[in-house]
N, C-alpha and C. Protein backbone atom coordinates (compact mmCIF):
# COMPACT_ATOMS: atom_id res chain seq x y z
N MET A 1 29.86 51.61 -25.32
CA MET A 1 30.42 52.99 -25.40
C MET A 1 30.69 53.24 -27.12
N ILE A 2 30.36 53.97 -28.33
CA ILE A 2 30.78 54.11 -29.49
C ILE A 2 31.16 55.55 -29.35
N GLU A 3 32.50 55.52 -29.93
CA GLU A 3 33.02 57.10 -30.24
C GLU A 3 32.57 57.76 -31.45
N MET A 4 31.99 58.84 -31.21
CA MET A 4 31.49 59.38 -32.16
C MET A 4 32.53 60.45 -32.92
N PHE A 5 33.34 61.27 -32.17
CA PHE A 5 34.64 61.84 -32.77
C PHE A 5 35.31 61.63 -31.91
N PRO A 6 36.39 61.84 -32.12
CA PRO A 6 37.71 61.82 -31.50
C PRO A 6 37.56 62.35 -30.07
N GLY A 7 37.71 61.38 -28.97
CA GLY A 7 37.21 61.91 -27.59
C GLY A 7 35.20 62.03 -27.10
N VAL A 8 35.12 61.90 -28.19
CA VAL A 8 33.43 61.74 -27.70
C VAL A 8 32.55 60.42 -27.84
N TYR A 9 32.41 60.27 -27.03
CA TYR A 9 31.47 58.95 -27.10
C TYR A 9 29.74 59.17 -26.98
N VAL A 10 29.04 57.61 -27.48
CA VAL A 10 27.58 58.70 -27.30
C VAL A 10 26.96 56.73 -26.51
N SER A 11 26.45 57.28 -25.62
CA SER A 11 25.48 55.74 -24.80
C SER A 11 24.50 56.72 -25.05
N GLU A 12 23.54 55.26 -25.55
CA GLU A 12 21.60 55.64 -24.85
C GLU A 12 21.64 57.01 -25.40
N ARG A 13 22.04 57.37 -26.62
CA ARG A 13 21.57 58.80 -27.12
C ARG A 13 22.06 60.34 -26.23
N LYS A 14 22.94 59.88 -25.35
CA LYS A 14 23.92 60.79 -24.56
C LYS A 14 25.31 60.88 -24.88
N LEU A 15 25.55 62.32 -25.17
CA LEU A 15 27.66 62.42 -25.33
C LEU A 15 28.03 61.96 -24.07
N TYR A 16 29.35 61.49 -24.01
CA TYR A 16 29.71 61.77 -22.62
C TYR A 16 31.58 62.06 -23.55
N THR A 17 32.56 62.42 -22.26
CA THR A 17 33.52 62.71 -22.54
C THR A 17 34.59 61.56 -21.86
N LYS A 18 35.82 61.02 -22.06
CA LYS A 18 36.67 60.61 -20.81
C LYS A 18 37.05 61.39 -19.74
N ALA A 19 37.20 60.78 -19.02
CA ALA A 19 37.25 62.14 -17.73
C ALA A 19 38.43 61.68 -17.59
N LEU A 20 39.55 62.81 -17.62
CA LEU A 20 40.70 62.98 -16.80
C LEU A 20 40.88 62.86 -15.64
N VAL A 21 40.03 63.46 -14.96
CA VAL A 21 40.30 62.91 -13.16
C VAL A 21 38.96 62.40 -12.70
N HIS A 22 39.18 61.21 -11.84
CA HIS A 22 38.55 60.73 -11.77
C HIS A 22 37.45 61.08 -10.51
N GLY A 23 36.12 60.86 -10.26
CA GLY A 23 35.30 61.46 -9.30
C GLY A 23 34.31 62.75 -10.22
N ARG A 24 33.07 63.46 -9.19
CA ARG A 24 32.72 64.19 -10.00
C ARG A 24 33.27 65.76 -9.20
N VAL A 25 33.33 66.84 -10.37
CA VAL A 25 33.99 68.00 -10.74
C VAL A 25 32.24 68.96 -10.32
N TYR A 26 31.03 68.99 -11.66
CA TYR A 26 30.35 69.87 -11.43
C TYR A 26 29.19 69.04 -11.40
N GLY A 27 29.05 67.79 -10.53
CA GLY A 27 28.11 67.01 -10.47
C GLY A 27 27.37 66.28 -11.22
N GLU A 28 27.73 66.14 -12.60
CA GLU A 28 27.74 65.67 -13.63
C GLU A 28 27.69 63.77 -13.52
N LYS A 29 26.92 63.25 -14.23
CA LYS A 29 26.48 61.85 -14.24
C LYS A 29 27.64 61.25 -14.76
N ILE A 30 28.14 60.16 -13.97
CA ILE A 30 29.42 59.20 -14.90
C ILE A 30 29.13 57.81 -14.40
N ILE A 31 29.80 57.19 -15.80
CA ILE A 31 29.62 55.90 -16.29
C ILE A 31 31.15 55.42 -15.88
N LYS A 32 30.95 54.28 -15.42
CA LYS A 32 32.26 53.50 -15.36
C LYS A 32 32.31 52.56 -16.29
N ASP A 33 33.51 52.39 -17.08
CA ASP A 33 33.49 50.86 -18.55
C ASP A 33 35.01 50.77 -17.81
N GLY A 34 34.87 49.38 -16.80
CA GLY A 34 36.50 48.75 -16.57
C GLY A 34 37.26 49.96 -15.92
N LYS A 35 37.90 50.12 -16.24
CA LYS A 35 38.93 51.16 -15.34
C LYS A 35 38.96 52.52 -15.89
N GLU A 36 38.17 52.83 -16.81
CA GLU A 36 37.78 53.98 -17.54
C GLU A 36 36.52 54.42 -17.12
N GLU A 37 36.42 56.09 -16.62
CA GLU A 37 35.64 56.56 -16.27
C GLU A 37 34.94 57.91 -17.37
N TYR A 38 34.06 57.90 -17.82
CA TYR A 38 33.24 58.73 -18.78
C TYR A 38 31.97 59.84 -18.11
N ARG A 39 32.54 61.27 -18.56
CA ARG A 39 31.49 62.10 -17.61
C ARG A 39 30.39 62.58 -18.84
N GLN A 40 28.98 62.38 -18.08
CA GLN A 40 27.69 62.92 -19.40
C GLN A 40 27.89 64.06 -19.59
N TRP A 41 27.91 64.81 -21.04
CA TRP A 41 28.45 66.01 -21.55
C TRP A 41 26.77 66.61 -21.69
N ASN A 42 26.77 67.56 -20.61
CA ASN A 42 25.34 68.75 -20.20
C ASN A 42 25.66 69.83 -21.78
N PRO A 43 24.68 69.79 -22.37
CA PRO A 43 24.81 70.62 -23.86
C PRO A 43 23.93 72.06 -23.30
N PHE A 44 23.57 72.11 -22.04
CA PHE A 44 22.99 73.68 -21.23
C PHE A 44 24.15 74.00 -20.88
N LYS A 45 24.99 73.37 -20.81
CA LYS A 45 26.74 74.14 -19.56
C LYS A 45 27.79 74.04 -20.96
N SER A 46 27.53 73.19 -22.15
CA SER A 46 28.43 72.95 -22.85
C SER A 46 28.10 73.66 -24.23
N LYS A 47 28.54 74.56 -25.08
CA LYS A 47 28.19 75.24 -26.33
C LYS A 47 28.71 74.15 -26.90
N TYR A 48 29.87 73.38 -27.14
CA TYR A 48 30.31 72.30 -28.33
C TYR A 48 29.30 71.73 -28.23
N CYS A 49 28.82 70.49 -27.14
CA CYS A 49 27.74 69.80 -26.96
C CYS A 49 26.40 69.90 -27.45
N ALA A 50 25.96 71.39 -27.15
CA ALA A 50 25.10 71.90 -28.16
C ALA A 50 25.22 71.96 -29.73
N ALA A 51 26.40 72.27 -30.00
CA ALA A 51 26.32 72.29 -31.80
C ALA A 51 26.46 71.12 -32.05
N LEU A 52 26.67 69.94 -31.49
CA LEU A 52 26.30 68.41 -32.01
C LEU A 52 25.17 67.87 -31.99
């Protein structure tokens, strides 16, 4: 996973953010990297993600 901006990561042309709370909240895709968990950032639900 490559950090594109502080707190925003890229993997396979998709954006992710580090999860502060483990587990799914809104049914988003979760990727685990060791002890860290990342949530896929949906551009249809987030204006910030759509802007990137």
